[in-house]
PDB file of N, CA and C in Angstrom:
ATOM      1  N   MET A   1     -55.508 -21.942-181.990  1.00  0.00           N
ATOM      2  CA  MET A   1     -54.215 -21.719-180.678  1.00  0.00           C
ATOM      3  C   MET A   1     -53.848 -20.182-180.895  1.00  0.00           C
ATOM      4  N   ASN A   2     -53.884 -19.131-181.509  1.00  0.00           N
ATOM      5  CA  ASN A   2     -53.899 -17.650-181.581  1.00  0.00           C
ATOM      6  C   ASN A   2     -55.206 -17.356-180.596  1.00  0.00           C
ATOM      7  N   ALA A   3     -56.356 -17.675-180.873  1.00  0.00           N
ATOM      8  CA  ALA A   3     -57.586 -17.509-180.366  1.00  0.00           C
ATOM      9  C   ALA A   3     -57.370 -17.685-178.545  1.00  0.00           C
ATOM     10  N   LEU A   4     -56.819 -18.780-178.357  1.00  0.00           N
ATOM     11  CA  LEU A   4     -56.569 -18.643-176.837  1.00  0.00           C
ATOM     12  C   LEU A   4     -55.988 -18.670-176.426  1.00  0.00           C
ATOM     13  N   SER A   5     -54.802 -18.033-176.758  1.00  0.00           N
ATOM     14  CA  SER A   5     -53.628 -17.006-176.304  1.00  0.00           C
ATOM     15  C   SER A   5     -54.230 -15.471-176.052  1.00  0.00           C
ATOM     16  N   GLU A   6     -55.376 -15.112-177.027  1.00  0.00           N
ATOM     17  CA  GLU A   6     -55.661 -13.576-176.965  1.00  0.00           C
ATOM     18  C   GLU A   6     -57.117 -13.884-175.730  1.00  0.00           C
ATOM     19  N   TYR A   7     -57.641 -14.859-175.619  1.00  0.00           N
ATOM     20  CA  TYR A   7     -58.913 -15.312-174.451  1.00  0.00           C
ATOM     21  C   TYR A   7     -57.841 -14.973-173.598  1.00  0.00           C
ATOM     22  N   LEU A   8     -56.906 -15.675-173.261  1.00  0.00           N
ATOM     23  CA  LEU A   8     -56.157 -15.447-171.580  1.00  0.00           C
ATOM     24  C   LEU A   8     -55.243 -14.406-171.791  1.00  0.00           C
ATOM     25  N   THR A   9     -54.834 -13.609-172.320  1.00  0.00           N
ATOM     26  CA  THR A   9     -54.377 -11.964-172.462  1.00  0.00           C
ATOM     27  C   THR A   9     -55.712 -11.375-171.687  1.00  0.00           C
ATOM     28  N   VAL A  10     -57.251 -11.542-172.492  1.00  0.00           N
ATOM     29  CA  VAL A  10     -58.342 -10.698-171.827  1.00  0.00           C
ATOM     30  C   VAL A  10     -58.537 -10.706-170.639  1.00  0.00           C
ATOM     31  N   LEU A  11     -58.789 -12.347-170.339  1.00  0.00           N
ATOM     32  CA  LEU A  11     -58.390 -12.763-168.540  1.00  0.00           C
ATOM     33  C   LEU A  11     -58.002 -12.287-167.813  1.00  0.00           C
ATOM     34  N   VAL A  12     -56.725 -12.254-168.351  1.00  0.00           N
ATOM     35  CA  VAL A  12     -55.380 -12.085-167.079  1.00  0.00           C
ATOM     36  C   VAL A  12     -55.966 -10.576-166.996  1.00  0.00           C
ATOM     37  N   LEU A  13     -55.582  -9.629-167.862  1.00  0.00           N
ATOM     38  CA  LEU A  13     -55.551  -7.957-167.958  1.00  0.00           C
ATOM     39  C   LEU A  13     -57.210  -7.967-167.077  1.00  0.00           C
ATOM     40  N   PHE A  14     -58.669  -8.523-167.385  1.00  0.00           N
ATOM     41  CA  PHE A  14     -59.659  -8.130-166.460  1.00  0.00           C
ATOM     42  C   PHE A  14     -59.547  -8.282-165.287  1.00  0.00           C
ATOM     43  N   LEU A  15     -58.556  -9.380-164.436  1.00  0.00           N
ATOM     44  CA  LEU A  15     -58.463  -9.798-163.357  1.00  0.00           C
ATOM     45  C   LEU A  15     -57.249  -8.625-162.840  1.00  0.00           C
ATOM     46  N   LEU A  16     -56.313  -8.280-163.558  1.00  0.00           N
ATOM     47  CA  LEU A  16     -55.509  -7.249-163.374  1.00  0.00           C
ATOM     48  C   LEU A  16     -56.232  -6.090-162.567  1.00  0.00           C
ATOM     49  N   LEU A  17     -57.113  -5.931-163.279  1.00  0.00           N
ATOM     50  CA  LEU A  17     -57.758  -4.679-163.193  1.00  0.00           C
ATOM     51  C   LEU A  17     -59.008  -4.639-162.171  1.00  0.00           C
ATOM     52  N   ALA A  18     -59.664  -5.826-162.504  1.00  0.00           N
ATOM     53  CA  ALA A  18     -61.033  -6.110-161.437  1.00  0.00           C
ATOM     54  C   ALA A  18     -60.402  -6.701-159.977  1.00  0.00           C
ATOM     55  N   GLY A  19     -59.350  -7.114-160.210  1.00  0.00           N
ATOM     56  CA  GLY A  19     -59.320  -7.718-158.743  1.00  0.00           C
ATOM     57  C   GLY A  19     -58.900  -7.337-157.795  1.00  0.00           C
ATOM     58  N   PRO A  20     -58.362  -6.161-157.481  1.00  0.00           N
ATOM     59  CA  PRO A  20     -58.322  -5.118-156.306  1.00  0.00           C
ATOM     60  C   PRO A  20     -59.563  -4.242-155.874  1.00  0.00           C
ATOM     61  N   ALA A  21     -60.572  -4.178-156.895  1.00  0.00           N
ATOM     62  CA  ALA A  21     -62.119  -4.204-157.025  1.00  0.00           C
ATOM     63  C   ALA A  21     -62.220  -4.883-155.905  1.00  0.00           C
ATOM     64  N   LEU A  22     -62.541  -6.565-156.089  1.00  0.00           N
ATOM     65  CA  LEU A  22     -63.349  -6.890-155.670  1.00  0.00           C
ATOM     66  C   LEU A  22     -62.696  -7.627-154.644  1.00  0.00           C
ATOM     67  N   VAL A  23     -61.514  -7.596-154.200  1.00  0.00           N
ATOM     68  CA  VAL A  23     -61.116  -7.409-153.387  1.00  0.00           C
ATOM     69  C   VAL A  23     -61.285  -7.192-152.083  1.00  0.00           C
ATOM     70  N   GLY A  24     -60.841  -5.631-152.481  1.00  0.00           N
ATOM     71  CA  GLY A  24     -62.043  -4.448-151.530  1.00  0.00           C
ATOM     72  C   GLY A  24     -63.364  -4.627-151.197  1.00  0.00           C
ATOM     73  N   LEU A  25     -64.026  -4.883-152.257  1.00  0.00           N
ATOM     74  CA  LEU A  25     -65.501  -5.197-151.951  1.00  0.00           C
ATOM     75  C   LEU A  25     -65.692  -6.134-150.884  1.00  0.00           C
ATOM     76  N   ARG A  26     -65.105  -7.273-150.829  1.00  0.00           N
ATOM     77  CA  ARG A  26     -65.036  -8.559-150.281  1.00  0.00           C
ATOM     78  C   ARG A  26     -65.069  -7.970-148.770  1.00  0.00           C
ATOM     79  N   HIS A  27     -63.542  -7.246-148.674  1.00  0.00           N
ATOM     80  CA  HIS A  27     -63.268  -6.538-147.104  1.00  0.00           C
ATOM     81  C   HIS A  27     -64.081  -6.366-146.507  1.00  0.00           C
ATOM     82  N   GLU A  28     -65.163  -5.052-147.384  1.00  0.00           N
ATOM     83  CA  GLU A  28     -65.896  -4.519-146.875  1.00  0.00           C
ATOM     84  C   GLU A  28     -67.025  -4.633-146.214  1.00  0.00           C
ATOM     85  N   ARG A  29     -67.292  -6.045-147.293  1.00  0.00           N
ATOM     86  CA  ARG A  29     -68.450  -6.663-146.894  1.00  0.00           C
ATOM     87  C   ARG A  29     -68.475  -7.453-145.563  1.00  0.00           C
ATOM     88  N   ARG A  30     -67.063  -8.083-145.240  1.00  0.00           N
ATOM     89  CA  ARG A  30     -67.105  -9.168-143.765  1.00  0.00           C
ATOM     90  C   ARG A  30     -66.320  -7.896-142.926  1.00  0.00           C
ATOM     91  N   ILE A  31     -66.131  -6.501-143.430  1.00  0.00           N
ATOM     92  CA  ILE A  31     -66.309  -5.341-142.210  1.00  0.00           C
ATOM     93  C   ILE A  31     -67.664  -5.445-141.685  1.00  0.00           C
ATOM     94  N   GLY A  32     -68.656  -4.932-142.769  1.00  0.00           N
ATOM     95  CA  GLY A  32     -69.799  -4.562-142.636  1.00  0.00           C
ATOM     96  C   GLY A  32     -70.616  -5.672-141.250  1.00  0.00           C
ATOM     97  N   ARG A  33     -70.478  -7.072-141.994  1.00  0.00           N
ATOM     98  CA  ARG A  33     -70.718  -8.314-141.453  1.00  0.00           C
ATOM     99  C   ARG A  33     -70.424  -8.148-139.708  1.00  0.00           C
ATOM    100  N   GLN A  34     -69.327  -7.517-139.658  1.00  0.00           N
ATOM    101  CA  GLN A  34     -68.383  -7.655-138.285  1.00  0.00           C
ATOM    102  C   GLN A  34     -69.210  -6.540-137.185  1.00  0.00           C
ATOM    103  N   LEU A  35     -69.625  -5.508-138.331  1.00  0.00           N
ATOM    104  CA  LEU A  35     -70.789  -4.367-137.487  1.00  0.00           C
ATOM    105  C   LEU A  35     -71.594  -4.718-137.179  1.00  0.00           C
ATOM    106  N   LYS A  36     -72.316  -5.443-137.944  1.00  0.00           N
ATOM    107  CA  LYS A  36     -74.123  -5.662-137.647  1.00  0.00           C
ATOM    108  C   LYS A  36     -74.047  -6.878-136.420  1.00  0.00           C
ATOM    109  N   ALA A  37     -72.848  -7.620-136.276  1.00  0.00           N
ATOM    110  CA  ALA A  37     -73.128  -8.611-135.539  1.00  0.00           C
ATOM    111  C   ALA A  37     -72.652  -7.538-134.214  1.00  0.00           C
ATOM    112  N   ALA A  38     -71.557  -6.994-134.264  1.00  0.00           N
ATOM    113  CA  ALA A  38     -71.512  -5.825-132.634  1.00  0.00           C
ATOM    114  C   ALA A  38     -72.562  -5.063-132.521  1.00  0.00           C
ATOM    115  N   GLN A  39     -73.375  -4.670-133.307  1.00  0.00           N
ATOM    116  CA  GLN A  39     -74.590  -3.958-133.192  1.00  0.00           C
ATOM    117  C   GLN A  39     -75.463  -4.487-132.446  1.00  0.00           C
ATOM    118  N   ALA A  40     -75.501  -6.026-132.844  1.00  0.00           N
ATOM    119  CA  ALA A  40     -76.859  -6.750-131.922  1.00  0.00           C
ATOM    120  C   ALA A  40     -76.669  -7.302-131.356  1.00  0.00           C
ATOM    121  N   ALA A  41     -75.066  -7.563-130.684  1.00  0.00           N
ATOM    122  CA  ALA A  41     -74.762  -7.832-129.595  1.00  0.00           C
ATOM    123  C   ALA A  41     -74.983  -6.999-128.405  1.00  0.00           C
ATOM    124  N   GLN A  42     -74.716  -6.140-129.098  1.00  0.00           N
ATOM    125  CA  GLN A  42     -74.818  -4.258-127.894  1.00  0.00           C
ATOM    126  C   GLN A  42     -76.353  -4.083-127.834  1.00  0.00           C
ATOM    127  N   ALA A  43     -77.079  -4.284-128.467  1.00  0.00           N
ATOM    128  CA  ALA A  43     -78.356  -4.537-128.663  1.00  0.00           C
ATOM    129  C   ALA A  43     -78.966  -5.156-127.358  1.00  0.00           C
ATOM    130  N   ALA A  44     -78.558  -6.367-127.528  1.00  0.00           N
ATOM    131  CA  ALA A  44     -79.110  -7.990-126.749  1.00  0.00           C
ATOM    132  C   ALA A  44     -78.731  -7.012-124.845  1.00  0.00           C
ATOM    133  N   GLN A  45     -77.567  -6.808-124.958  1.00  0.00           N
ATOM    134  CA  GLN A  45     -77.205  -6.489-123.936  1.00  0.00           C
ATOM    135  C   GLN A  45     -77.557  -5.471-123.244  1.00  0.00           C
ATOM    136  N   ALA A  46     -78.020  -4.284-123.861  1.00  0.00           N
ATOM    137  CA  ALA A  46     -78.742  -3.281-123.224  1.00  0.00           C
ATOM    138  C   ALA A  46     -80.225  -3.553-123.175  1.00  0.00           C
ATOM    139  N   ALA A  47     -81.069  -4.656-123.824  1.00  0.00           N
ATOM    140  CA  ALA A  47     -82.214  -5.391-123.428  1.00  0.00           C
ATOM    141  C   ALA A  47     -82.153  -6.164-122.079  1.00  0.00           C
ATOM    142  N   GLN A  48     -80.694  -6.664-122.322  1.00  0.00           N
ATOM    143  CA  GLN A  48     -80.553  -7.968-120.864  1.00  0.00           C
ATOM    144  C   GLN A  48     -80.602  -6.626-119.631  1.00  0.00           C
ATOM    145  N   ALA A  49     -79.797  -5.759-119.681  1.00  0.00           N
ATOM    146  CA  ALA A  49     -79.306  -5.231-119.108  1.00  0.00           C
ATOM    147  C   ALA A  49     -80.990  -4.250-118.435  1.00  0.00           C
ATOM    148  N   ALA A  50     -81.627  -3.911-119.317  1.00  0.00           N
ATOM    149  CA  ALA A  50     -83.237  -3.112-119.070  1.00  0.00           C
ATOM    150  C   ALA A  50     -83.383  -3.702-117.917  1.00  0.00           C
ATOM    151  N   HIS A  51     -84.076  -5.315-118.777  1.00  0.00           N
ATOM    152  CA  HIS A  51     -84.481  -6.232-117.824  1.00  0.00           C
ATOM    153  C   HIS A  51     -84.130  -6.721-116.771  1.00  0.00           C
ATOM    154  N   ALA A  52     -82.890  -6.738-116.361  1.00  0.00           N
ATOM    155  CA  ALA A  52     -82.282  -6.929-115.118  1.00  0.00           C
ATOM    156  C   ALA A  52     -82.887  -6.194-113.707  1.00  0.00           C
ATOM    157  N   ALA A  53     -82.669  -4.627-114.004  1.00  0.00           N
ATOM    158  CA  ALA A  53     -83.089  -3.698-113.644  1.00  0.00           C
ATOM    159  C   ALA A  53     -84.216  -3.529-113.507  1.00  0.00           C
ATOM    160  N   ARG A  54     -85.384  -4.189-114.407  1.00  0.00           N
ATOM    161  CA  ARG A  54     -87.012  -3.886-114.241  1.00  0.00           C
ATOM    162  C   ARG A  54     -86.893  -4.974-113.519  1.00  0.00           C
ATOM    163  N   SER A  55     -86.728  -5.632-113.127  1.00  0.00           N
ATOM    164  CA  SER A  55     -86.358  -7.215-112.237  1.00  0.00           C
ATOM    165  C   SER A  55     -86.579  -7.017-111.204  1.00  0.00           C
ATOM    166  N   ALA A  56     -85.544  -6.271-111.183  1.00  0.00           N
ATOM    167  CA  ALA A  56     -84.595  -5.464-109.591  1.00  0.00           C
ATOM    168  C   ALA A  56     -85.420  -4.816-108.736  1.00  0.00           C
ATOM    169  N   ARG A  57     -86.258  -3.521-109.421  1.00  0.00           N
ATOM    170  CA  ARG A  57     -86.902  -2.958-109.313  1.00  0.00           C
ATOM    171  C   ARG A  57     -87.793  -3.282-108.508  1.00  0.00           C
ATOM    172  N   SER A  58     -88.734  -4.191-109.771  1.00  0.00           N
ATOM    173  CA  SER A  58     -90.132  -5.111-109.092  1.00  0.00           C
ATOM    174  C   SER A  58     -89.655  -5.705-107.867  1.00  0.00           C
ATOM    175  N   ALA A  59     -88.953  -6.549-107.171  1.00  0.00           N
ATOM    176  CA  ALA A  59     -88.853  -7.288-106.735  1.00  0.00           C
ATOM    177  C   ALA A  59     -88.277  -6.664-105.128  1.00  0.00           C
ATOM    178  N   SER A  60     -87.853  -5.181-105.189  1.00  0.00           N
ATOM    179  CA  SER A  60     -87.472  -4.608-103.649  1.00  0.00           C
ATOM    180  C   SER A  60     -88.918  -3.599-103.977  1.00  0.00           C
ATOM    181  N   ARG A  61     -89.398  -3.704-104.402  1.00  0.00           N
ATOM    182  CA  ARG A  61     -90.996  -2.979-103.835  1.00  0.00           C
ATOM    183  C   ARG A  61     -91.687  -3.793-103.402  1.00  0.00           C
ATOM    184  N   THR A  62     -92.488  -3.034-101.951  1.00  0.00           N
ATOM    185  CA  THR A  62     -93.158  -4.036-101.362  1.00  0.00           C
ATOM    186  C   THR A  62     -94.935  -4.139-101.754  1.00  0.00           C
ATOM    187  N   GLN A  63     -95.183  -5.280-101.832  1.00  0.00           N
ATOM    188  CA  GLN A  63     -96.551  -5.892-102.333  1.00  0.00           C
ATOM    189  C   GLN A  63     -97.689  -4.877-101.643  1.00  0.00           C
ATOM    190  N   LYS A  64     -98.135  -3.714-102.703  1.00  0.00           N
ATOM    191  CA  LYS A  64     -99.343  -3.029-102.329  1.00  0.00           C
ATOM    192  C   LYS A  64    -100.840  -3.990-102.980  1.00  0.00           C
ATOM    193  N   SER A  65    -101.970  -3.124-102.141  1.00  0.00           N
ATOM    194  CA  SER A  65    -102.965  -3.987-102.479  1.00  0.00           C
ATOM    195  C   SER A  65    -103.443  -3.191-103.780  1.00  0.00           C
ATOM    196  N   SER A  66    -103.457  -1.575-103.969  1.00  0.00           N
ATOM    197  CA  SER A  66    -103.141  -1.122-104.977  1.00  0.00           C
ATOM    198  C   SER A  66    -102.266   0.629-105.026  1.00  0.00           C
ATOM    199  N   SER A  67    -102.039   1.026-106.255  1.00  0.00           N
ATOM    200  CA  SER A  67    -101.682   1.865-106.268  1.00  0.00           C
ATOM    201  C   SER A  67    -101.916   3.170-106.257  1.00  0.00           C
ATOM    202  N   ARG A  68    -103.269   3.304-106.448  1.00  0.00           N
ATOM    203  CA  ARG A  68    -104.041   4.548-105.724  1.00  0.00           C
ATOM    204  C   ARG A  68    -104.248   4.949-104.343  1.00  0.00           C
ATOM    205  N   SER A  69    -104.507   6.189-104.138  1.00  0.00           N
ATOM    206  CA  SER A  69    -104.771   6.445-103.203  1.00  0.00           C
ATOM    207  C   SER A  69    -106.121   6.474-102.700  1.00  0.00           C
ATOM    208  N   THR A  70    -106.495   5.950-101.815  1.00  0.00           N
ATOM    209  CA  THR A  70    -107.900   5.294-100.948  1.00  0.00           C
ATOM    210  C   THR A  70    -108.733   6.444-101.151  1.00  0.00           C
ATOM    211  N   VAL A  71    -109.108   7.676-102.425  1.00  0.00           N
ATOM    212  CA  VAL A  71    -110.031   8.347-101.881  1.00  0.00           C
ATOM    213  C   VAL A  71    -111.256   7.719-102.024  1.00  0.00           C
ATOM    214  N   PRO A  72    -112.313   7.973-101.294  1.00  0.00           N
ATOM    215  CA  PRO A  72    -113.842   7.306-100.860  1.00  0.00           C
ATOM    216  C   PRO A  72    -114.807   7.884-101.809  1.00  0.00           C
ATOM    217  N   SER A  73    -115.124   7.719-102.994  1.00  0.00           N
ATOM    218  CA  SER A  73    -116.042   7.567-103.760  1.00  0.00           C
ATOM    219  C   SER A  73    -117.036   8.597-103.260  1.00  0.00           C
ATOM    220  N   THR A  74    -117.938   9.047-104.438  1.00  0.00           N
ATOM    221  CA  THR A  74    -119.416   9.894-104.118  1.00  0.00           C
ATOM    222  C   THR A  74    -119.975   9.367-103.006  1.00  0.00           C
ATOM    223  N   ALA A  75    -120.700   8.186-103.681  1.00  0.00           N
ATOM    224  CA  ALA A  75    -121.377   7.227-102.885  1.00  0.00           C
ATOM    225  C   ALA A  75    -120.781   7.005-101.512  1.00  0.00           C
ATOM    226  N   THR A  76    -119.777   6.669-101.282  1.00  0.00           N
ATOM    227  CA  THR A  76    -119.288   6.688-100.067  1.00  0.00           C
ATOM    228  C   THR A  76    -119.420   7.918 -98.888  1.00  0.00           C
ATOM    229  N   TRP A  77    -118.872   8.835 -99.619  1.00  0.00           N
ATOM    230  CA  TRP A  77    -118.741  10.317 -99.328  1.00  0.00           C
ATOM    231  C   TRP A  77    -120.173  10.970 -98.853  1.00  0.00           C
ATOM    232  N   TYR A  78    -121.145  10.532 -99.877  1.00  0.00           N
ATOM    233  CA  TYR A  78    -122.773  10.732 -99.081  1.00  0.00           C
ATOM    234  C   TYR A  78    -123.181   9.836 -98.245  1.00  0.00           C
ATOM    235  N   ALA A  79    -122.793   8.752 -97.989  1.00  0.00           N
ATOM    236  CA  ALA A  79    -123.248   7.456 -96.903  1.00  0.00           C
ATOM    237  C   ALA A  79    -122.658   7.993 -95.666  1.00  0.00           C
ATOM    238  N   ASP A  80    -121.704   8.599 -95.386  1.00  0.00           N
ATOM    239  CA  ASP A  80    -121.249   9.168 -94.628  1.00  0.00           C
ATOM    240  C   ASP A  80    -121.326  10.490 -94.142  1.00  0.00           C
ATOM    241  N   GLY A  81    -121.765  11.315 -95.187  1.00  0.00           N
ATOM    242  CA  GLY A  81    -122.751  12.364 -94.111  1.00  0.00           C
ATOM    243  C   GLY A  81    -123.612  12.199 -94.095  1.00  0.00           C
ATOM    244  N   ARG A  82    -124.866  11.069 -94.423  1.00  0.00           N
ATOM    245  CA  ARG A  82    -125.578  10.872 -93.508  1.00  0.00           C
ATOM    246  C   ARG A  82    -125.613  10.106 -92.527  1.00  0.00           C
ATOM    247  N   ARG A  83    -124.860   9.704 -92.241  1.00  0.00           N
ATOM    248  CA  ARG A  83    -124.695   8.784 -90.776  1.00  0.00           C
ATOM    249  C   ARG A  83    -124.458   9.762 -90.149  1.00  0.00           C
ATOM    250  N   SER A  84    -123.858  10.460 -90.208  1.00  0.00           N
ATOM    251  CA  SER A  84    -123.358  11.570 -89.445  1.00  0.00           C
ATOM    252  C   SER A  84    -124.330  12.718 -88.558  1.00  0.00           C
ATOM    253  N   LYS A  85    -125.137  12.846 -89.614  1.00  0.00           N
ATOM    254  CA  LYS A  85    -126.317  13.517 -89.472  1.00  0.00           C
ATOM    255  C   LYS A  85    -127.218  13.079 -88.961  1.00  0.00           C
ATOM    256  N   LYS A  86    -127.200  11.902 -88.931  1.00  0.00           N
ATOM    257  CA  LYS A  86    -128.178  10.819 -87.835  1.00  0.00           C
ATOM    258  C   LYS A  86    -127.661  10.573 -86.725  1.00  0.00           C
ATOM    259  N   LEU A  87    -126.496  10.446 -86.731  1.00  0.00           N
ATOM    260  CA  LEU A  87    -125.869  10.439 -84.751  1.00  0.00           C
ATOM    261  C   LEU A  87    -126.175  11.439 -84.425  1.00  0.00           C
ATOM    262  N   VAL A  88    -125.490  12.836 -85.097  1.00  0.00           N
ATOM    263  CA  VAL A  88    -125.876  14.096 -84.504  1.00  0.00           C
ATOM    264  C   VAL A  88    -127.432  14.158 -83.856  1.00  0.00           C
ATOM    265  N   SER A  89    -128.510  13.949 -84.530  1.00  0.00           N
ATOM    266  CA  SER A  89    -129.573  14.109 -84.260  1.00  0.00           C
ATOM    267  C   SER A  89    -130.222  13.051 -83.454  1.00  0.00           C
ATOM    268  N   SER A  90    -129.948  12.441 -83.218  1.00  0.00           N
ATOM    269  CA  SER A  90    -130.302  10.941 -82.360  1.00  0.00           C
ATOM    270  C   SER A  90    -129.917  11.642 -80.881  1.00  0.00           C
TER     271      SER A  90
END
């Protein structure tokens, strides 16, 4: 019986000393989970807003055949030069 009371005394002292630290650790982990969830929600909201902005921009643009300017290639420029000389000489 004496050993049981000594065992219980050690257990109670351990809980008195370690209890506040364990409660604090539990509190910190809960706050950490809440912060991670808030960051994930904020990132998802920012991604959704960026996607909406991109789709609104692309919808407002007019459809073009090409985004490049229509600069003629070297072969086209050379052929145009040859045709104009023929027309002048005839």
